[in-house]
Amino acid sequence: MELDVGTRAILKAWLLPPGILLILLLIGWLFARRAFGRVLLFFSVAVFYLLTTSFGVGWLANRVETIPATPLNTLNSGGGDAILVFLAGIREKNPELDGKDSLSNLSLERIDFALTLHRQTGLPVILSGGRLKYGTETLADLGREWLHRQAGVTPVALDNTSRDTWENAANSAQLLREIGLKRPLLVTHAYHMPRALFSTKAAGIDAVPAPFAFTHNTQTSDFDASDWVPSAHNLSYSYLVLHEMVGLLWYRLARN
């Protein structure tokens, strides 16, 4: 059964931190007089704390950022013929833009790195990303506007109907066939690359991975007290990494 975008968003909110931790804390509180409840409370607080630390983020990222980076000057040695970007999110109805939508920070990071690759290689850019919810603009169309406004670059093709990574890959495969391209450099964050590559391979795309924004290799083995200081940013990044872990597992179970 295929779930709509809204239902999937609600499920993700409660099945991933901090939603699932709030549920566990509530259960622990209800059974706090029993050993089971106290253990659950301690476990939930400990996990929540670790997810807010740089150490916790680095540990998680080390398990999902498994596709190595390739230096810019050698990235296109594999015969790539395009740059394929999987866009990631949107900021809705921005008052400073007269109520218009804009790309989220994640999407901007991906399209900016794609622009760097375009300037390095001269390869055409393909943008993939549809409407994340009813009434918003599509990611690909917002990306096209950004590229044209910021760099005078026009994408060679757009997929503005996909709703997730699986559809990004399937729709992009059709686009590539239509315009006669076969081996794109695939641009996405390092933590998202395993799921993106799994999807493109299943769709028949011979993609060259171009991951960026690694987290785990910036962590050092030296003790640093700041690695254990909690922050909202770390919790947000932990959510993204855990989302990818669960998403990749789901794809492998449900899409094979």
C-alpha atoms as a PDB file:
ATOM      1  CA  MET A   1       0.000   0.000   0.000  1.00  0.00           C
ATOM      2  CA  GLU A   2       1.424   3.397  -1.052  1.00  0.00           C
ATOM      3  CA  LEU A   3       1.028   6.103   1.601  1.00  0.00           C
ATOM      4  CA  ASP A   4       0.434   9.733   0.716  1.00  0.00           C
ATOM      5  CA  VAL A   5       3.019  12.380   1.553  1.00  0.00           C
ATOM      6  CA  GLY A   6       1.163  13.694   4.601  1.00  0.00           C
ATOM      7  CA  THR A   7       0.721  10.255   6.169  1.00  0.00           C
ATOM      8  CA  ARG A   8       4.372   9.398   5.614  1.00  0.00           C
ATOM      9  CA  ALA A   9       5.429  12.670   7.244  1.00  0.00           C
ATOM     10  CA  ILE A  10       3.335  11.922  10.345  1.00  0.00           C
ATOM     11  CA  LEU A  11       4.687   8.369  10.617  1.00  0.00           C
ATOM     12  CA  LYS A  12       8.281   9.585  10.300  1.00  0.00           C
ATOM     13  CA  ALA A  13       7.698  12.242  12.946  1.00  0.00           C
ATOM     14  CA  TRP A  14       6.669   9.625  15.527  1.00  0.00           C
ATOM     15  CA  LEU A  15       8.851   6.683  14.481  1.00  0.00           C
ATOM     16  CA  LEU A  16      12.109   8.673  14.504  1.00  0.00           C
ATOM     17  CA  PRO A  17      13.656  10.879  17.211  1.00  0.00           C
ATOM     18  CA  PRO A  18      12.560  12.935  18.952  1.00  0.00           C
ATOM     19  CA  GLY A  19       9.023  11.558  18.451  1.00  0.00           C
ATOM     20  CA  ILE A  20       9.818   7.946  19.336  1.00  0.00           C
ATOM     21  CA  LEU A  21      11.789   9.079  22.390  1.00  0.00           C
ATOM     22  CA  LEU A  22       8.817  11.087  23.647  1.00  0.00           C
ATOM     23  CA  ILE A  23       6.669   7.965  23.334  1.00  0.00           C
ATOM     24  CA  LEU A  24       9.242   5.889  25.227  1.00  0.00           C
ATOM     25  CA  LEU A  25       9.533   8.559  27.930  1.00  0.00           C
ATOM     26  CA  LEU A  26       5.752   8.581  28.358  1.00  0.00           C
ATOM     27  CA  ILE A  27       5.655   4.791  28.656  1.00  0.00           C
ATOM     28  CA  GLY A  28       8.535   4.892  31.121  1.00  0.00           C
ATOM     29  CA  TRP A  29       6.769   7.546  33.204  1.00  0.00           C
ATOM     30  CA  LEU A  30       3.537   5.501  33.260  1.00  0.00           C
ATOM     31  CA  PHE A  31       5.475   2.491  34.552  1.00  0.00           C
ATOM     32  CA  ALA A  32       7.970   4.439  36.670  1.00  0.00           C
ATOM     33  CA  ARG A  33       7.173   2.386  39.787  1.00  0.00           C
ATOM     34  CA  ARG A  34       8.434  -0.735  38.058  1.00  0.00           C
ATOM     35  CA  ALA A  35      12.007  -1.580  37.111  1.00  0.00           C
ATOM     36  CA  PHE A  36      10.942  -1.772  33.467  1.00  0.00           C
ATOM     37  CA  GLY A  37       9.702   1.811  33.525  1.00  0.00           C
ATOM     38  CA  ARG A  38      12.804   3.189  35.224  1.00  0.00           C
ATOM     39  CA  VAL A  39      15.079   1.400  32.748  1.00  0.00           C
ATOM     40  CA  LEU A  40      13.046   2.792  29.858  1.00  0.00           C
ATOM     41  CA  LEU A  41      13.269   6.313  31.280  1.00  0.00           C
ATOM     42  CA  PHE A  42      17.048   6.050  31.689  1.00  0.00           C
ATOM     43  CA  PHE A  43      17.465   4.560  28.201  1.00  0.00           C
ATOM     44  CA  SER A  44      15.356   7.279  26.554  1.00  0.00           C
ATOM     45  CA  VAL A  45      17.181  10.123  28.297  1.00  0.00           C
ATOM     46  CA  ALA A  46      20.592   8.586  27.500  1.00  0.00           C
ATOM     47  CA  VAL A  47      19.772   8.108  23.813  1.00  0.00           C
ATOM     48  CA  PHE A  48      18.291  11.596  23.571  1.00  0.00           C
ATOM     49  CA  TYR A  49      21.466  13.058  25.084  1.00  0.00           C
ATOM     50  CA  LEU A  50      23.772  11.127  22.737  1.00  0.00           C
ATOM     51  CA  LEU A  51      21.766  12.232  19.706  1.00  0.00           C
ATOM     52  CA  THR A  52      22.362  15.865  20.695  1.00  0.00           C
ATOM     53  CA  THR A  53      26.174  15.507  20.832  1.00  0.00           C
ATOM     54  CA  SER A  54      28.792  15.739  18.111  1.00  0.00           C
ATOM     55  CA  PHE A  55      30.108  12.377  19.272  1.00  0.00           C
ATOM     56  CA  GLY A  56      26.714  10.748  18.726  1.00  0.00           C
ATOM     57  CA  VAL A  57      26.279  12.351  15.299  1.00  0.00           C
ATOM     58  CA  GLY A  58      29.751  11.276  14.226  1.00  0.00           C
ATOM     59  CA  TRP A  59      29.189   7.714  15.407  1.00  0.00           C
ATOM     60  CA  LEU A  60      25.931   7.448  13.456  1.00  0.00           C
ATOM     61  CA  ALA A  61      27.311   9.144  10.358  1.00  0.00           C
ATOM     62  CA  ASN A  62      30.252   6.750  10.287  1.00  0.00           C
ATOM     63  CA  ARG A  63      27.761   3.939   9.695  1.00  0.00           C
ATOM     64  CA  VAL A  64      25.879   5.541   6.830  1.00  0.00           C
ATOM     65  CA  GLU A  65      28.451   7.711   5.025  1.00  0.00           C
ATOM     66  CA  THR A  66      29.960   4.647   3.354  1.00  0.00           C
ATOM     67  CA  ILE A  67      30.469   6.037  -0.171  1.00  0.00           C
ATOM     68  CA  PRO A  68      33.896   7.724  -0.241  1.00  0.00           C
ATOM     69  CA  ALA A  69      34.460  11.215  -1.558  1.00  0.00           C
ATOM     70  CA  THR A  70      36.217  11.750  -4.882  1.00  0.00           C
ATOM     71  CA  PRO A  71      38.450  14.804  -5.506  1.00  0.00           C
ATOM     72  CA  LEU A  72      36.898  17.357  -7.852  1.00  0.00           C
ATOM     73  CA  ASN A  73      39.725  17.145 -10.361  1.00  0.00           C
ATOM     74  CA  THR A  74      39.236  13.386 -10.821  1.00  0.00           C
ATOM     75  CA  LEU A  75      35.483  13.089 -10.356  1.00  0.00           C
ATOM     76  CA  ASN A  76      34.700  13.109 -14.077  1.00  0.00           C
ATOM     77  CA  SER A  77      37.421  10.631 -15.051  1.00  0.00           C
ATOM     78  CA  GLY A  78      34.757   7.909 -15.024  1.00  0.00           C
ATOM     79  CA  GLY A  79      33.104   9.289 -18.137  1.00  0.00           C
ATOM     80  CA  GLY A  80      30.168  11.150 -16.640  1.00  0.00           C
ATOM     81  CA  ASP A  81      27.895  12.950 -19.091  1.00  0.00           C
ATOM     82  CA  ALA A  82      25.586  14.944 -16.765  1.00  0.00           C
ATOM     83  CA  ILE A  83      25.118  16.135 -13.188  1.00  0.00           C
ATOM     84  CA  LEU A  84      22.006  14.735 -11.517  1.00  0.00           C
ATOM     85  CA  VAL A  85      20.827  16.465  -8.330  1.00  0.00           C
ATOM     86  CA  PHE A  86      18.294  15.002  -5.907  1.00  0.00           C
ATOM     87  CA  LEU A  87      16.778  18.015  -4.121  1.00  0.00           C
ATOM     88  CA  ALA A  88      15.685  17.714  -0.520  1.00  0.00           C
ATOM     89  CA  GLY A  89      13.326  20.269   0.986  1.00  0.00           C
ATOM     90  CA  ILE A  90      11.501  23.561   0.871  1.00  0.00           C
ATOM     91  CA  ARG A  91      10.881  26.674   2.965  1.00  0.00           C
ATOM     92  CA  GLU A  92       7.277  27.700   2.543  1.00  0.00           C
ATOM     93  CA  LYS A  93       5.730  31.143   2.110  1.00  0.00           C
ATOM     94  CA  ASN A  94       8.690  33.306   3.053  1.00  0.00           C
ATOM     95  CA  PRO A  95       7.541  36.829   4.039  1.00  0.00           C
ATOM     96  CA  GLU A  96      10.830  38.373   2.897  1.00  0.00           C
ATOM     97  CA  LEU A  97      10.085  36.942  -0.579  1.00  0.00           C
ATOM     98  CA  ASP A  98       6.497  38.244  -0.681  1.00  0.00           C
ATOM     99  CA  GLY A  99       5.161  34.888   0.463  1.00  0.00           C
ATOM    100  CA  LYS A 100       6.957  32.798  -2.149  1.00  0.00           C
ATOM    101  CA  ASP A 101       8.483  29.381  -1.507  1.00  0.00           C
ATOM    102  CA  SER A 102      12.244  28.820  -1.583  1.00  0.00           C
ATOM    103  CA  LEU A 103      14.668  25.920  -1.369  1.00  0.00           C
ATOM    104  CA  SER A 104      15.625  24.614   2.065  1.00  0.00           C
ATOM    105  CA  ASN A 105      19.207  24.717   3.283  1.00  0.00           C
ATOM    106  CA  LEU A 106      19.689  21.053   2.335  1.00  0.00           C
ATOM    107  CA  SER A 107      18.476  21.674  -1.215  1.00  0.00           C
ATOM    108  CA  LEU A 108      20.624  24.790  -1.528  1.00  0.00           C
ATOM    109  CA  GLU A 109      23.705  22.885  -0.388  1.00  0.00           C
ATOM    110  CA  ARG A 110      23.100  20.214  -3.025  1.00  0.00           C
ATOM    111  CA  ILE A 111      22.430  22.607  -5.871  1.00  0.00           C
ATOM    112  CA  ASP A 112      25.425  24.744  -4.906  1.00  0.00           C
ATOM    113  CA  PHE A 113      27.718  21.716  -4.992  1.00  0.00           C
ATOM    114  CA  ALA A 114      26.213  20.742  -8.356  1.00  0.00           C
ATOM    115  CA  LEU A 115      27.034  24.227  -9.610  1.00  0.00           C
ATOM    116  CA  THR A 116      30.629  23.742  -8.469  1.00  0.00           C
ATOM    117  CA  LEU A 117      30.773  20.483 -10.432  1.00  0.00           C
ATOM    118  CA  HIS A 118      29.205  22.161 -13.466  1.00  0.00           C
ATOM    119  CA  ARG A 119      31.884  24.844 -13.446  1.00  0.00           C
ATOM    120  CA  GLN A 120      34.587  22.191 -13.004  1.00  0.00           C
ATOM    121  CA  THR A 121      33.358  19.793 -15.704  1.00  0.00           C
ATOM    122  CA  GLY A 122      31.045  21.762 -17.994  1.00  0.00           C
ATOM    123  CA  LEU A 123      28.483  18.945 -17.754  1.00  0.00           C
ATOM    124  CA  PRO A 124      24.762  19.768 -18.031  1.00  0.00           C
ATOM    125  CA  VAL A 125      22.651  19.792 -14.875  1.00  0.00           C
ATOM    126  CA  ILE A 126      19.480  17.753 -14.258  1.00  0.00           C
ATOM    127  CA  LEU A 127      17.301  18.596 -11.245  1.00  0.00           C
ATOM    128  CA  SER A 128      14.945  16.126  -9.584  1.00  0.00           C
ATOM    129  CA  GLY A 129      12.327  17.003  -6.981  1.00  0.00           C
ATOM    130  CA  GLY A 130       8.572  17.402  -6.998  1.00  0.00           C
ATOM    131  CA  ARG A 131       5.964  19.025  -4.781  1.00  0.00           C
ATOM    132  CA  LEU A 132       6.418  18.011  -1.145  1.00  0.00           C
ATOM    133  CA  LYS A 133       2.907  19.013  -0.124  1.00  0.00           C
ATOM    134  CA  TYR A 134      -0.200  20.409  -1.732  1.00  0.00           C
ATOM    135  CA  GLY A 135       0.057  24.086  -2.641  1.00  0.00           C
ATOM    136  CA  THR A 136       3.847  24.388  -2.643  1.00  0.00           C
ATOM    137  CA  GLU A 137       6.088  24.909  -5.635  1.00  0.00           C
ATOM    138  CA  THR A 138       8.089  21.986  -6.967  1.00  0.00           C
ATOM    139  CA  LEU A 139      11.706  21.608  -5.883  1.00  0.00           C
ATOM    140  CA  ALA A 140      12.987  21.251  -9.440  1.00  0.00           C
ATOM    141  CA  ASP A 141      11.286  24.459 -10.580  1.00  0.00           C
ATOM    142  CA  LEU A 142      12.651  26.353  -7.579  1.00  0.00           C
ATOM    143  CA  GLY A 143      16.074  24.930  -8.340  1.00  0.00           C
ATOM    144  CA  ARG A 144      15.871  26.036 -11.955  1.00  0.00           C
ATOM    145  CA  GLU A 145      14.998  29.567 -10.868  1.00  0.00           C
ATOM    146  CA  TRP A 146      17.892  29.603  -8.386  1.00  0.00           C
ATOM    147  CA  LEU A 147      20.440  28.384 -10.943  1.00  0.00           C
ATOM    148  CA  HIS A 148      19.314  30.907 -13.525  1.00  0.00           C
ATOM    149  CA  ARG A 149      19.238  33.808 -11.043  1.00  0.00           C
ATOM    150  CA  GLN A 150      22.501  33.037  -9.258  1.00  0.00           C
ATOM    151  CA  ALA A 151      24.658  31.664 -12.062  1.00  0.00           C
ATOM    152  CA  GLY A 152      22.876  32.078 -15.397  1.00  0.00           C
ATOM    153  CA  VAL A 153      22.772  28.282 -15.754  1.00  0.00           C
ATOM    154  CA  THR A 154      19.767  26.494 -17.269  1.00  0.00           C
ATOM    155  CA  PRO A 155      19.225  22.808 -16.412  1.00  0.00           C
ATOM    156  CA  VAL A 156      19.053  20.495 -19.408  1.00  0.00           C
ATOM    157  CA  ALA A 157      16.081  18.635 -17.883  1.00  0.00           C
ATOM    158  CA  LEU A 158      13.765  18.685 -14.864  1.00  0.00           C
ATOM    159  CA  ASP A 159      11.900  16.015 -12.948  1.00  0.00           C
ATOM    160  CA  ASN A 160       9.281  17.968 -11.006  1.00  0.00           C
ATOM    161  CA  THR A 161       6.925  15.114 -10.096  1.00  0.00           C
ATOM    162  CA  SER A 162       8.943  12.875  -7.742  1.00  0.00           C
ATOM    163  CA  ARG A 163       8.022  12.730  -4.061  1.00  0.00           C
ATOM    164  CA  ASP A 164      10.872  10.688  -2.602  1.00  0.00           C
ATOM    165  CA  THR A 165      14.268   9.215  -3.425  1.00  0.00           C
ATOM    166  CA  TRP A 166      12.821   6.162  -5.138  1.00  0.00           C
ATOM    167  CA  GLU A 167      10.764   8.332  -7.491  1.00  0.00           C
ATOM    168  CA  ASN A 168      13.735  10.690  -7.974  1.00  0.00           C
ATOM    169  CA  ALA A 169      15.636   7.748  -9.436  1.00  0.00           C
ATOM    170  CA  ALA A 170      12.804   6.248 -11.475  1.00  0.00           C
ATOM    171  CA  ASN A 171      11.770   9.551 -13.044  1.00  0.00           C
ATOM    172  CA  SER A 172      15.368  10.611 -13.675  1.00  0.00           C
ATOM    173  CA  ALA A 173      16.043   7.321 -15.470  1.00  0.00           C
ATOM    174  CA  GLN A 174      13.260   8.134 -17.906  1.00  0.00           C
ATOM    175  CA  LEU A 175      14.581  11.674 -18.389  1.00  0.00           C
ATOM    176  CA  LEU A 176      18.079  10.411 -19.096  1.00  0.00           C
ATOM    177  CA  ARG A 177      16.782   7.993 -21.726  1.00  0.00           C
ATOM    178  CA  GLU A 178      14.775  10.742 -23.395  1.00  0.00           C
ATOM    179  CA  ILE A 179      17.749  13.097 -23.752  1.00  0.00           C
ATOM    180  CA  GLY A 180      20.300  10.393 -24.541  1.00  0.00           C
ATOM    181  CA  LEU A 181      22.462  10.614 -21.412  1.00  0.00           C
ATOM    182  CA  LYS A 182      23.659   7.519 -19.567  1.00  0.00           C
ATOM    183  CA  ARG A 183      26.178   8.175 -16.788  1.00  0.00           C
ATOM    184  CA  PRO A 184      25.397  11.119 -14.523  1.00  0.00           C
ATOM    185  CA  LEU A 185      27.390  12.355 -11.570  1.00  0.00           C
ATOM    186  CA  LEU A 186      24.918  11.878  -8.722  1.00  0.00           C
ATOM    187  CA  VAL A 187      24.897  14.787  -6.253  1.00  0.00           C
ATOM    188  CA  THR A 188      23.502  14.425  -2.759  1.00  0.00           C
ATOM    189  CA  HIS A 189      24.686  14.613   0.858  1.00  0.00           C
ATOM    190  CA  ALA A 190      27.078  11.887   1.978  1.00  0.00           C
ATOM    191  CA  TYR A 191      24.572  10.464   4.483  1.00  0.00           C
ATOM    192  CA  HIS A 192      21.915  10.201   1.735  1.00  0.00           C
ATOM    193  CA  MET A 193      24.155   8.711  -0.952  1.00  0.00           C
ATOM    194  CA  PRO A 194      23.726   4.987  -0.078  1.00  0.00           C
ATOM    195  CA  ARG A 195      19.931   5.194  -0.473  1.00  0.00           C
ATOM    196  CA  ALA A 196      20.253   7.366  -3.578  1.00  0.00           C
ATOM    197  CA  LEU A 197      22.684   4.905  -5.197  1.00  0.00           C
ATOM    198  CA  PHE A 198      20.488   1.940  -4.263  1.00  0.00           C
ATOM    199  CA  SER A 199      17.545   3.657  -5.964  1.00  0.00           C
ATOM    200  CA  THR A 200      19.426   4.719  -9.097  1.00  0.00           C
ATOM    201  CA  LYS A 201      20.878   1.248  -9.555  1.00  0.00           C
ATOM    202  CA  ALA A 202      17.402  -0.262  -9.268  1.00  0.00           C
ATOM    203  CA  ALA A 203      16.170   2.247 -11.869  1.00  0.00           C
ATOM    204  CA  GLY A 204      18.941   1.263 -14.282  1.00  0.00           C
ATOM    205  CA  ILE A 205      21.065   4.405 -13.938  1.00  0.00           C
ATOM    206  CA  ASP A 206      24.833   3.923 -14.093  1.00  0.00           C
ATOM    207  CA  ALA A 207      25.525   6.786 -11.691  1.00  0.00           C
ATOM    208  CA  VAL A 208      28.911   8.092 -10.547  1.00  0.00           C
ATOM    209  CA  PRO A 209      28.533   9.023  -6.857  1.00  0.00           C
ATOM    210  CA  ALA A 210      29.465  12.593  -5.966  1.00  0.00           C
ATOM    211  CA  PRO A 211      28.767  12.796  -2.229  1.00  0.00           C
ATOM    212  CA  PHE A 212      29.638  15.881  -0.192  1.00  0.00           C
ATOM    213  CA  ALA A 213      29.258  17.348   3.324  1.00  0.00           C
ATOM    214  CA  PHE A 214      30.774  14.396   5.181  1.00  0.00           C
ATOM    215  CA  THR A 215      30.421  14.380   8.945  1.00  0.00           C
ATOM    216  CA  HIS A 216      32.196  11.302  10.247  1.00  0.00           C
ATOM    217  CA  ASN A 217      35.604  12.078   8.752  1.00  0.00           C
ATOM    218  CA  THR A 218      35.653  15.450  10.484  1.00  0.00           C
ATOM    219  CA  GLN A 219      35.548  13.716  13.858  1.00  0.00           C
ATOM    220  CA  THR A 220      38.977  13.171  15.440  1.00  0.00           C
ATOM    221  CA  SER A 221      40.033  10.435  17.814  1.00  0.00           C
ATOM    222  CA  ASP A 222      41.311  13.014  20.309  1.00  0.00           C
ATOM    223  CA  PHE A 223      39.111  13.737  23.268  1.00  0.00           C
ATOM    224  CA  ASP A 224      37.337  17.058  23.000  1.00  0.00           C
ATOM    225  CA  ALA A 225      34.891  18.131  25.677  1.00  0.00           C
ATOM    226  CA  SER A 226      32.857  20.060  23.090  1.00  0.00           C
ATOM    227  CA  ASP A 227      31.968  16.741  21.395  1.00  0.00           C
ATOM    228  CA  TRP A 228      29.810  15.960  24.411  1.00  0.00           C
ATOM    229  CA  VAL A 229      27.983  19.282  24.653  1.00  0.00           C
ATOM    230  CA  PRO A 230      24.320  18.924  23.595  1.00  0.00           C
ATOM    231  CA  SER A 231      22.919  21.105  20.827  1.00  0.00           C
ATOM    232  CA  ALA A 232      19.729  21.328  18.775  1.00  0.00           C
ATOM    233  CA  HIS A 233      21.796  21.232  15.566  1.00  0.00           C
ATOM    234  CA  ASN A 234      23.214  17.834  16.459  1.00  0.00           C
ATOM    235  CA  LEU A 235      19.745  16.479  17.212  1.00  0.00           C
ATOM    236  CA  SER A 236      18.535  17.709  13.834  1.00  0.00           C
ATOM    237  CA  TYR A 237      21.432  16.028  12.034  1.00  0.00           C
ATOM    238  CA  SER A 238      20.952  12.824  14.017  1.00  0.00           C
ATOM    239  CA  TYR A 239      17.374  12.756  12.750  1.00  0.00           C
ATOM    240  CA  LEU A 240      18.567  13.052   9.145  1.00  0.00           C
ATOM    241  CA  VAL A 241      21.099  10.242   9.524  1.00  0.00           C
ATOM    242  CA  LEU A 242      18.644   7.935  11.295  1.00  0.00           C
ATOM    243  CA  HIS A 243      16.064   8.735   8.624  1.00  0.00           C
ATOM    244  CA  GLU A 244      18.515   7.479   6.012  1.00  0.00           C
ATOM    245  CA  MET A 245      19.298   4.319   7.957  1.00  0.00           C
ATOM    246  CA  VAL A 246      15.620   3.447   8.280  1.00  0.00           C
ATOM    247  CA  GLY A 247      14.888   4.501   4.690  1.00  0.00           C
ATOM    248  CA  LEU A 248      17.672   2.359   3.244  1.00  0.00           C
ATOM    249  CA  LEU A 249      16.558  -0.647   5.300  1.00  0.00           C
ATOM    250  CA  TRP A 250      12.981  -0.134   4.120  1.00  0.00           C
ATOM    251  CA  TYR A 251      14.037   0.098   0.481  1.00  0.00           C
ATOM    252  CA  ARG A 252      16.084  -3.081   0.744  1.00  0.00           C
ATOM    253  CA  LEU A 253      13.182  -4.963   2.329  1.00  0.00           C
ATOM    254  CA  ALA A 254      10.324  -3.566   0.292  1.00  0.00           C
ATOM    255  CA  ARG A 255      11.877  -2.803  -3.091  1.00  0.00           C
ATOM    256  CA  ASN A 256      13.850  -5.995  -3.734  1.00  0.00           C
END
